[in-house]
Amino acid sequence: YRKYADSDTAAVLRIRALLAAGLPTRVIRHVLPCTTDKAAVQ
């Protein structure tokens, strides 16, 4: 079974926001570590 950390909830919400912005997952993989909880990109 997969066990997700509490922080994964926020990560999924950021992934969905980035997908909604038109980014493909290959770009999101690069950008995700640089996002804040509000999906703002650092």
All heavy atoms as atom14 arrays in JSON, in Angstrom:
{
  "sequence": "YRKYADSDTAAVLRIRALLAAGLPTRVIRHVLPCTTDKAAVQ",
  "atom14_mask": [
    [1, 1, 1, 1, 1, 1, 1, 1, 1, 1, 1, 1, 0, 0],
    [1, 1, 1, 1, 1, 1, 1, 1, 1, 1, 1, 0, 0, 0],
    [1, 1, 1, 1, 1, 1, 1, 1, 1, 0, 0, 0, 0, 0],
    [1, 1, 1, 1, 1, 1, 1, 1, 1, 1, 1, 1, 0, 0],
    [1, 1, 1, 1, 1, 0, 0, 0, 0, 0, 0, 0, 0, 0],
    [1, 1, 1, 1, 1, 1, 1, 1, 0, 0, 0, 0, 0, 0],
    [1, 1, 1, 1, 1, 1, 0, 0, 0, 0, 0, 0, 0, 0],
    [1, 1, 1, 1, 1, 1, 1, 1, 0, 0, 0, 0, 0, 0],
    [1, 1, 1, 1, 1, 1, 1, 0, 0, 0, 0, 0, 0, 0],
    [1, 1, 1, 1, 1, 0, 0, 0, 0, 0, 0, 0, 0, 0],
    [1, 1, 1, 1, 1, 0, 0, 0, 0, 0, 0, 0, 0, 0],
    [1, 1, 1, 1, 1, 1, 1, 0, 0, 0, 0, 0, 0, 0],
    [1, 1, 1, 1, 1, 1, 1, 1, 0, 0, 0, 0, 0, 0],
    [1, 1, 1, 1, 1, 1, 1, 1, 1, 1, 1, 0, 0, 0],
    [1, 1, 1, 1, 1, 1, 1, 1, 0, 0, 0, 0, 0, 0],
    [1, 1, 1, 1, 1, 1, 1, 1, 1, 1, 1, 0, 0, 0],
    [1, 1, 1, 1, 1, 0, 0, 0, 0, 0, 0, 0, 0, 0],
    [1, 1, 1, 1, 1, 1, 1, 1, 0, 0, 0, 0, 0, 0],
    [1, 1, 1, 1, 1, 1, 1, 1, 0, 0, 0, 0, 0, 0],
    [1, 1, 1, 1, 1, 0, 0, 0, 0, 0, 0, 0, 0, 0],
    [1, 1, 1, 1, 1, 0, 0, 0, 0, 0, 0, 0, 0, 0],
    [1, 1, 1, 1, 0, 0, 0, 0, 0, 0, 0, 0, 0, 0],
    [1, 1, 1, 1, 1, 1, 1, 1, 0, 0, 0, 0, 0, 0],
    [1, 1, 1, 1, 1, 1, 1, 0, 0, 0, 0, 0, 0, 0],
    [1, 1, 1, 1, 1, 1, 1, 0, 0, 0, 0, 0, 0, 0],
    [1, 1, 1, 1, 1, 1, 1, 1, 1, 1, 1, 0, 0, 0],
    [1, 1, 1, 1, 1, 1, 1, 0, 0, 0, 0, 0, 0, 0],
    [1, 1, 1, 1, 1, 1, 1, 1, 0, 0, 0, 0, 0, 0],
    [1, 1, 1, 1, 1, 1, 1, 1, 1, 1, 1, 0, 0, 0],
    [1, 1, 1, 1, 1, 1, 1, 1, 1, 1, 0, 0, 0, 0],
    [1, 1, 1, 1, 1, 1, 1, 0, 0, 0, 0, 0, 0, 0],
    [1, 1, 1, 1, 1, 1, 1, 1, 0, 0, 0, 0, 0, 0],
    [1, 1, 1, 1, 1, 1, 1, 0, 0, 0, 0, 0, 0, 0],
    [1, 1, 1, 1, 1, 1, 0, 0, 0, 0, 0, 0, 0, 0],
    [1, 1, 1, 1, 1, 1, 1, 0, 0, 0, 0, 0, 0, 0],
    [1, 1, 1, 1, 1, 1, 1, 0, 0, 0, 0, 0, 0, 0],
    [1, 1, 1, 1, 1, 1, 1, 1, 0, 0, 0, 0, 0, 0],
    [1, 1, 1, 1, 1, 1, 1, 1, 1, 0, 0, 0, 0, 0],
    [1, 1, 1, 1, 1, 0, 0, 0, 0, 0, 0, 0, 0, 0],
    [1, 1, 1, 1, 1, 0, 0, 0, 0, 0, 0, 0, 0, 0],
    [1, 1, 1, 1, 1, 1, 1, 0, 0, 0, 0, 0, 0, 0],
    [1, 1, 1, 1, 1, 1, 1, 1, 1, 0, 0, 0, 0, 0]
  ],
  "atom14_positions": [
    [[0.84, -1.2, 0.0], [0.0, 0.0, 0.0], [0.87, 1.25, 0.0], [1.96, 1.27, 0.57], [-0.9, 0.04, 1.24], [-2.05, -0.94, 1.24], [-2.21, -1.9, 0.27], [-2.99, -0.89, 2.26], [-3.28, -2.79, 0.3], [-4.06, -1.77, 2.3], [-4.18, -2.72, 1.31], [-5.23, -3.59, 1.34], [0.0, 0.0, 0.0], [0.0, 0.0, 0.0]],
    [[0.37, 2.29, -0.62], [1.05, 3.58, -0.62], [0.65, 4.34, 0.65], [-0.52, 4.41, 0.97], [0.64, 4.4, -1.85], [1.11, 3.84, -3.15], [0.35, 4.5, -4.31], [0.84, 4.07, -5.59], [0.44, 2.98, -6.23], [-0.48, 2.2, -5.7], [0.94, 2.68, -7.41], [0.0, 0.0, 0.0], [0.0, 0.0, 0.0], [0.0, 0.0, 0.0]],
    [[1.63, 4.95, 1.3], [1.37, 5.76, 2.49], [1.88, 7.16, 2.19], [3.05, 7.38, 1.93], [2.08, 5.17, 3.71], [1.77, 5.9, 5.0], [2.31, 5.16, 6.21], [3.76, 5.46, 6.41], [4.27, 4.92, 7.7], [0.0, 0.0, 0.0], [0.0, 0.0, 0.0], [0.0, 0.0, 0.0], [0.0, 0.0, 0.0], [0.0, 0.0, 0.0]],
    [[0.94, 8.12, 2.19], [1.26, 9.5, 1.84], [1.44, 10.34, 3.09], [0.71, 10.2, 4.06], [0.13, 10.09, 0.99], [0.01, 9.44, -0.36], [-0.81, 8.34, -0.55], [0.73, 9.92, -1.44], [-0.91, 7.73, -1.78], [0.64, 9.32, -2.68], [-0.19, 8.22, -2.85], [-0.28, 7.62, -4.08], [0.0, 0.0, 0.0], [0.0, 0.0, 0.0]],
    [[2.41, 11.24, 3.04], [2.64, 12.19, 4.12], [1.58, 13.28, 4.06], [0.96, 13.51, 3.02], [4.03, 12.82, 3.98], [0.0, 0.0, 0.0], [0.0, 0.0, 0.0], [0.0, 0.0, 0.0], [0.0, 0.0, 0.0], [0.0, 0.0, 0.0], [0.0, 0.0, 0.0], [0.0, 0.0, 0.0], [0.0, 0.0, 0.0], [0.0, 0.0, 0.0]],
    [[1.38, 13.96, 5.16], [0.42, 15.05, 5.21], [0.77, 16.12, 4.16], [-0.11, 16.7, 3.54], [0.39, 15.66, 6.61], [-0.72, 16.67, 6.77], [-1.87, 16.37, 6.38], [-0.44, 17.77, 7.27], [0.0, 0.0, 0.0], [0.0, 0.0, 0.0], [0.0, 0.0, 0.0], [0.0, 0.0, 0.0], [0.0, 0.0, 0.0], [0.0, 0.0, 0.0]],
    [[2.06, 16.34, 3.93], [2.49, 17.35, 2.95], [2.09, 16.99, 1.52], [2.03, 17.86, 0.65], [4.01, 17.54, 3.03], [4.66, 16.31, 2.74], [0.0, 0.0, 0.0], [0.0, 0.0, 0.0], [0.0, 0.0, 0.0], [0.0, 0.0, 0.0], [0.0, 0.0, 0.0], [0.0, 0.0, 0.0], [0.0, 0.0, 0.0], [0.0, 0.0, 0.0]],
    [[1.78, 15.71, 1.27], [1.36, 15.31, -0.08], [0.0, 15.9, -0.45], [-0.29, 16.08, -1.63], [1.33, 13.79, -0.21], [2.72, 13.19, -0.28], [3.64, 13.87, -0.8], [2.9, 12.05, 0.19], [0.0, 0.0, 0.0], [0.0, 0.0, 0.0], [0.0, 0.0, 0.0], [0.0, 0.0, 0.0], [0.0, 0.0, 0.0], [0.0, 0.0, 0.0]],
    [[-0.82, 16.22, 0.53], [-2.11, 16.85, 0.24], [-1.87, 18.19, -0.46], [-2.45, 18.46, -1.51], [-2.93, 17.06, 1.54], [-3.18, 15.78, 2.13], [-4.25, 17.75, 1.25], [0.0, 0.0, 0.0], [0.0, 0.0, 0.0], [0.0, 0.0, 0.0], [0.0, 0.0, 0.0], [0.0, 0.0, 0.0], [0.0, 0.0, 0.0], [0.0, 0.0, 0.0]],
    [[-1.01, 19.01, 0.12], [-0.69, 20.31, -0.49], [0.0, 20.11, -1.83], [-0.25, 20.86, -2.78], [0.17, 21.14, 0.45], [0.0, 0.0, 0.0], [0.0, 0.0, 0.0], [0.0, 0.0, 0.0], [0.0, 0.0, 0.0], [0.0, 0.0, 0.0], [0.0, 0.0, 0.0], [0.0, 0.0, 0.0], [0.0, 0.0, 0.0], [0.0, 0.0, 0.0]],
    [[0.87, 19.11, -1.95], [1.58, 18.86, -3.2], [0.59, 18.52, -4.32], [0.72, 19.03, -5.44], [2.6, 17.74, -3.04], [0.0, 0.0, 0.0], [0.0, 0.0, 0.0], [0.0, 0.0, 0.0], [0.0, 0.0, 0.0], [0.0, 0.0, 0.0], [0.0, 0.0, 0.0], [0.0, 0.0, 0.0], [0.0, 0.0, 0.0], [0.0, 0.0, 0.0]],
    [[-0.4, 17.69, -4.03], [-1.4, 17.34, -5.05], [-2.17, 18.58, -5.49], [-2.42, 18.78, -6.68], [-2.36, 16.23, -4.54], [-3.53, 16.04, -5.49], [-1.6, 14.93, -4.36], [0.0, 0.0, 0.0], [0.0, 0.0, 0.0], [0.0, 0.0, 0.0], [0.0, 0.0, 0.0], [0.0, 0.0, 0.0], [0.0, 0.0, 0.0], [0.0, 0.0, 0.0]],
    [[-2.53, 19.42, -4.55], [-3.26, 20.65, -4.9], [-2.39, 21.56, -5.76], [-2.88, 22.19, -6.71], [-3.75, 21.35, -3.64], [-4.77, 20.55, -2.82], [-5.11, 21.27, -1.53], [-6.01, 20.23, -3.63], [0.0, 0.0, 0.0], [0.0, 0.0, 0.0], [0.0, 0.0, 0.0], [0.0, 0.0, 0.0], [0.0, 0.0, 0.0], [0.0, 0.0, 0.0]],
    [[-1.08, 21.62, -5.48], [-0.17, 22.41, -6.32], [-0.04, 21.8, -7.71], [-0.03, 22.5, -8.71], [1.2, 22.54, -5.65], [1.17, 23.46, -4.44], [2.56, 23.84, -3.96], [3.47, 22.73, -3.73], [3.59, 22.06, -2.58], [2.83, 22.37, -1.55], [4.46, 21.09, -2.46], [0.0, 0.0, 0.0], [0.0, 0.0, 0.0], [0.0, 0.0, 0.0]],
    [[0.06, 20.48, -7.77], [0.14, 19.79, -9.07], [-1.08, 20.12, -9.91], [-0.98, 20.46, -11.09], [0.27, 18.25, -8.87], [1.64, 17.92, -8.28], [0.04, 17.51, -10.18], [1.74, 16.51, -7.72], [0.0, 0.0, 0.0], [0.0, 0.0, 0.0], [0.0, 0.0, 0.0], [0.0, 0.0, 0.0], [0.0, 0.0, 0.0], [0.0, 0.0, 0.0]],
    [[-2.24, 20.04, -9.3], [-3.49, 20.33, -10.03], [-3.54, 21.77, -10.51], [-3.99, 22.06, -11.61], [-4.68, 19.96, -9.17], [-4.73, 18.44, -8.96], [-5.94, 17.99, -8.24], [-7.13, 18.53, -8.85], [-8.17, 17.82, -9.22], [-8.16, 16.53, -9.08], [-9.24, 18.4, -9.72], [0.0, 0.0, 0.0], [0.0, 0.0, 0.0], [0.0, 0.0, 0.0]],
    [[-3.06, 22.7, -9.69], [-3.03, 24.11, -10.09], [-2.08, 24.3, -11.27], [-2.39, 25.04, -12.22], [-2.61, 24.99, -8.92], [0.0, 0.0, 0.0], [0.0, 0.0, 0.0], [0.0, 0.0, 0.0], [0.0, 0.0, 0.0], [0.0, 0.0, 0.0], [0.0, 0.0, 0.0], [0.0, 0.0, 0.0], [0.0, 0.0, 0.0], [0.0, 0.0, 0.0]],
    [[-0.93, 23.65, -11.24], [0.04, 23.77, -12.33], [-0.48, 23.11, -13.6], [-0.27, 23.62, -14.71], [1.39, 23.19, -11.91], [2.1, 23.98, -10.8], [3.25, 23.17, -10.21], [2.58, 25.33, -11.31], [0.0, 0.0, 0.0], [0.0, 0.0, 0.0], [0.0, 0.0, 0.0], [0.0, 0.0, 0.0], [0.0, 0.0, 0.0], [0.0, 0.0, 0.0]],
    [[-1.17, 21.99, -13.47], [-1.8, 21.36, -14.64], [-2.86, 22.28, -15.23], [-2.96, 22.41, -16.45], [-2.43, 20.01, -14.26], [-1.47, 18.86, -14.03], [-2.19, 17.69, -13.36], [-0.83, 18.42, -15.34], [0.0, 0.0, 0.0], [0.0, 0.0, 0.0], [0.0, 0.0, 0.0], [0.0, 0.0, 0.0], [0.0, 0.0, 0.0], [0.0, 0.0, 0.0]],
    [[-3.64, 22.93, -14.37], [-4.67, 23.86, -14.85], [-4.05, 25.05, -15.57], [-4.68, 25.65, -16.44], [-5.52, 24.34, -13.67], [0.0, 0.0, 0.0], [0.0, 0.0, 0.0], [0.0, 0.0, 0.0], [0.0, 0.0, 0.0], [0.0, 0.0, 0.0], [0.0, 0.0, 0.0], [0.0, 0.0, 0.0], [0.0, 0.0, 0.0], [0.0, 0.0, 0.0]],
    [[-2.8, 25.37, -15.24], [-2.09, 26.47, -15.91], [-1.52, 26.02, -17.25], [-0.9, 26.82, -17.95], [-0.97, 27.0, -15.02], [0.0, 0.0, 0.0], [0.0, 0.0, 0.0], [0.0, 0.0, 0.0], [0.0, 0.0, 0.0], [0.0, 0.0, 0.0], [0.0, 0.0, 0.0], [0.0, 0.0, 0.0], [0.0, 0.0, 0.0], [0.0, 0.0, 0.0]],
    [[-1.74, 24.76, -17.6], [-1.3, 24.27, -18.9], [0.06, 23.61, -18.91], [0.59, 23.31, -19.98], [0.0, 0.0, 0.0], [0.0, 0.0, 0.0], [0.0, 0.0, 0.0], [0.0, 0.0, 0.0], [0.0, 0.0, 0.0], [0.0, 0.0, 0.0], [0.0, 0.0, 0.0], [0.0, 0.0, 0.0], [0.0, 0.0, 0.0], [0.0, 0.0, 0.0]],
    [[0.65, 23.37, -17.75], [1.97, 22.75, -17.71], [1.86, 21.24, -17.79], [1.04, 20.63, -17.1], [2.7, 23.13, -16.43], [3.01, 24.6, -16.23], [3.68, 24.83, -14.88], [3.89, 25.12, -17.34], [0.0, 0.0, 0.0], [0.0, 0.0, 0.0], [0.0, 0.0, 0.0], [0.0, 0.0, 0.0], [0.0, 0.0, 0.0], [0.0, 0.0, 0.0]],
    [[2.68, 20.6, -18.61], [2.7, 19.13, -18.64], [3.47, 18.6, -17.43], [4.25, 19.31, -16.8], [3.45, 18.81, -19.94], [4.31, 20.01, -20.19], [3.56, 21.18, -19.61], [0.0, 0.0, 0.0], [0.0, 0.0, 0.0], [0.0, 0.0, 0.0], [0.0, 0.0, 0.0], [0.0, 0.0, 0.0], [0.0, 0.0, 0.0], [0.0, 0.0, 0.0]],
    [[3.26, 17.33, -17.11], [3.89, 16.76, -15.91], [5.41, 16.81, -15.98], [6.06, 16.98, -14.94], [3.43, 15.31, -15.67], [3.7, 14.53, -16.83], [1.96, 15.25, -15.31], [0.0, 0.0, 0.0], [0.0, 0.0, 0.0], [0.0, 0.0, 0.0], [0.0, 0.0, 0.0], [0.0, 0.0, 0.0], [0.0, 0.0, 0.0], [0.0, 0.0, 0.0]],
    [[6.01, 16.73, -17.16], [7.48, 16.77, -17.25], [8.01, 18.14, -16.79], [9.06, 18.22, -16.18], [7.98, 16.43, -18.64], [7.61, 17.42, -19.7], [8.13, 17.07, -21.09], [7.48, 17.86, -22.09], [7.62, 19.17, -22.25], [8.43, 19.82, -21.47], [6.96, 19.82, -23.18], [0.0, 0.0, 0.0], [0.0, 0.0, 0.0], [0.0, 0.0, 0.0]],
    [[7.24, 19.21, -17.05], [7.64, 20.55, -16.58], [7.31, 20.69, -15.1], [8.09, 21.25, -14.33], [6.96, 21.65, -17.42], [7.23, 23.04, -16.84], [7.43, 21.58, -18.87], [0.0, 0.0, 0.0], [0.0, 0.0, 0.0], [0.0, 0.0, 0.0], [0.0, 0.0, 0.0], [0.0, 0.0, 0.0], [0.0, 0.0, 0.0], [0.0, 0.0, 0.0]],
    [[6.16, 20.17, -14.69], [5.77, 20.25, -13.28], [6.8, 19.55, -12.4], [7.13, 20.04, -11.32], [4.36, 19.66, -13.07], [3.32, 20.54, -13.76], [4.05, 19.53, -11.57], [1.92, 19.98, -13.76], [0.0, 0.0, 0.0], [0.0, 0.0, 0.0], [0.0, 0.0, 0.0], [0.0, 0.0, 0.0], [0.0, 0.0, 0.0], [0.0, 0.0, 0.0]],
    [[7.37, 18.44, -12.87], [8.4, 17.73, -12.1], [9.57, 18.66, -11.78], [10.14, 18.61, -10.71], [8.89, 16.51, -12.87], [9.79, 15.61, -12.08], [10.25, 14.35, -12.83], [9.31, 13.79, -13.76], [9.38, 13.91, -15.11], [10.33, 14.58, -15.67], [8.48, 13.38, -15.89], [0.0, 0.0, 0.0], [0.0, 0.0, 0.0], [0.0, 0.0, 0.0]],
    [[9.89, 19.53, -12.71], [10.99, 20.48, -12.52], [10.57, 21.67, -11.65], [11.36, 22.16, -10.85], [11.44, 20.97, -13.9], [12.64, 21.85, -13.89], [13.9, 21.39, -13.62], [12.75, 23.17, -14.1], [14.74, 22.4, -13.66], [14.08, 23.5, -13.95], [0.0, 0.0, 0.0], [0.0, 0.0, 0.0], [0.0, 0.0, 0.0], [0.0, 0.0, 0.0]],
    [[9.32, 22.11, -11.8], [8.83, 23.31, -11.12], [8.34, 23.02, -9.7], [8.5, 23.86, -8.8], [7.69, 23.95, -11.96], [7.01, 25.08, -11.21], [8.23, 24.43, -13.3], [0.0, 0.0, 0.0], [0.0, 0.0, 0.0], [0.0, 0.0, 0.0], [0.0, 0.0, 0.0], [0.0, 0.0, 0.0], [0.0, 0.0, 0.0], [0.0, 0.0, 0.0]],
    [[7.76, 21.87, -9.47], [7.1, 21.55, -8.19], [7.98, 21.81, -6.96], [7.5, 22.39, -5.99], [6.58, 20.12, -8.2], [5.68, 19.72, -7.04], [4.41, 20.58, -7.0], [5.32, 18.25, -7.13], [0.0, 0.0, 0.0], [0.0, 0.0, 0.0], [0.0, 0.0, 0.0], [0.0, 0.0, 0.0], [0.0, 0.0, 0.0], [0.0, 0.0, 0.0]],
    [[9.25, 21.42, -6.97], [10.06, 21.68, -5.77], [10.24, 23.18, -5.48], [10.65, 23.55, -4.39], [11.41, 21.04, -6.1], [11.13, 20.06, -7.17], [9.98, 20.63, -7.95], [0.0, 0.0, 0.0], [0.0, 0.0, 0.0], [0.0, 0.0, 0.0], [0.0, 0.0, 0.0], [0.0, 0.0, 0.0], [0.0, 0.0, 0.0], [0.0, 0.0, 0.0]],
    [[9.92, 24.01, -6.45], [10.11, 25.46, -6.29], [8.79, 26.18, -6.04], [8.7, 27.4, -6.2], [10.76, 26.04, -7.55], [12.35, 25.28, -7.92], [0.0, 0.0, 0.0], [0.0, 0.0, 0.0], [0.0, 0.0, 0.0], [0.0, 0.0, 0.0], [0.0, 0.0, 0.0], [0.0, 0.0, 0.0], [0.0, 0.0, 0.0], [0.0, 0.0, 0.0]],
    [[7.75, 25.44, -5.65], [6.44, 26.06, -5.4], [6.18, 26.19, -3.91], [6.74, 25.46, -3.1], [5.29, 25.26, -6.04], [5.29, 23.94, -5.48], [5.42, 25.19, -7.54], [0.0, 0.0, 0.0], [0.0, 0.0, 0.0], [0.0, 0.0, 0.0], [0.0, 0.0, 0.0], [0.0, 0.0, 0.0], [0.0, 0.0, 0.0], [0.0, 0.0, 0.0]],
    [[5.3, 27.13, -3.59], [4.86, 27.31, -2.21], [3.5, 26.63, -2.06], [2.94, 26.13, -3.03], [4.7, 28.81, -1.89], [3.63, 29.34, -2.69], [5.98, 29.58, -2.16], [0.0, 0.0, 0.0], [0.0, 0.0, 0.0], [0.0, 0.0, 0.0], [0.0, 0.0, 0.0], [0.0, 0.0, 0.0], [0.0, 0.0, 0.0], [0.0, 0.0, 0.0]],
    [[2.96, 26.64, -0.87], [1.66, 26.03, -0.63], [0.55, 26.65, -1.48], [-0.48, 26.06, -1.7], [1.28, 26.11, 0.85], [2.07, 25.12, 1.68], [2.63, 24.17, 1.11], [2.11, 25.3, 2.91], [0.0, 0.0, 0.0], [0.0, 0.0, 0.0], [0.0, 0.0, 0.0], [0.0, 0.0, 0.0], [0.0, 0.0, 0.0], [0.0, 0.0, 0.0]],
    [[0.74, 27.87, -1.94], [-0.27, 28.55, -2.74], [0.0, 28.38, -4.23], [-0.58, 29.06, -5.05], [-0.27, 30.05, -2.4], [-0.49, 30.34, -0.93], [-1.92, 30.67, -0.67], [-2.14, 31.2, 0.71], [-2.34, 30.24, 1.73], [0.0, 0.0, 0.0], [0.0, 0.0, 0.0], [0.0, 0.0, 0.0], [0.0, 0.0, 0.0], [0.0, 0.0, 0.0]],
    [[0.92, 27.49, -4.59], [1.3, 27.2, -5.97], [2.07, 28.34, -6.61], [2.27, 28.36, -7.81], [0.11, 26.79, -6.83], [0.0, 0.0, 0.0], [0.0, 0.0, 0.0], [0.0, 0.0, 0.0], [0.0, 0.0, 0.0], [0.0, 0.0, 0.0], [0.0, 0.0, 0.0], [0.0, 0.0, 0.0], [0.0, 0.0, 0.0], [0.0, 0.0, 0.0]],
    [[2.52, 29.3, -5.8], [3.38, 30.35, -6.33], [4.75, 29.74, -6.61], [5.23, 28.91, -5.84], [3.5, 31.5, -5.33], [0.0, 0.0, 0.0], [0.0, 0.0, 0.0], [0.0, 0.0, 0.0], [0.0, 0.0, 0.0], [0.0, 0.0, 0.0], [0.0, 0.0, 0.0], [0.0, 0.0, 0.0], [0.0, 0.0, 0.0], [0.0, 0.0, 0.0]],
    [[5.38, 30.14, -7.69], [6.66, 29.58, -8.07], [7.78, 30.51, -7.6], [7.76, 31.71, -7.86], [6.73, 29.37, -9.6], [8.09, 28.82, -10.01], [5.61, 28.44, -10.06], [0.0, 0.0, 0.0], [0.0, 0.0, 0.0], [0.0, 0.0, 0.0], [0.0, 0.0, 0.0], [0.0, 0.0, 0.0], [0.0, 0.0, 0.0], [0.0, 0.0, 0.0]],
    [[8.73, 29.92, -6.92], [9.91, 30.65, -6.45], [10.98, 30.61, -7.55], [11.0, 29.68, -8.35], [10.45, 30.01, -5.17], [9.45, 29.94, -4.04], [8.98, 31.32, -3.62], [9.78, 32.22, -3.38], [7.68, 31.51, -3.56], [0.0, 0.0, 0.0], [0.0, 0.0, 0.0], [0.0, 0.0, 0.0], [0.0, 0.0, 0.0], [0.0, 0.0, 0.0]]
  ]
}
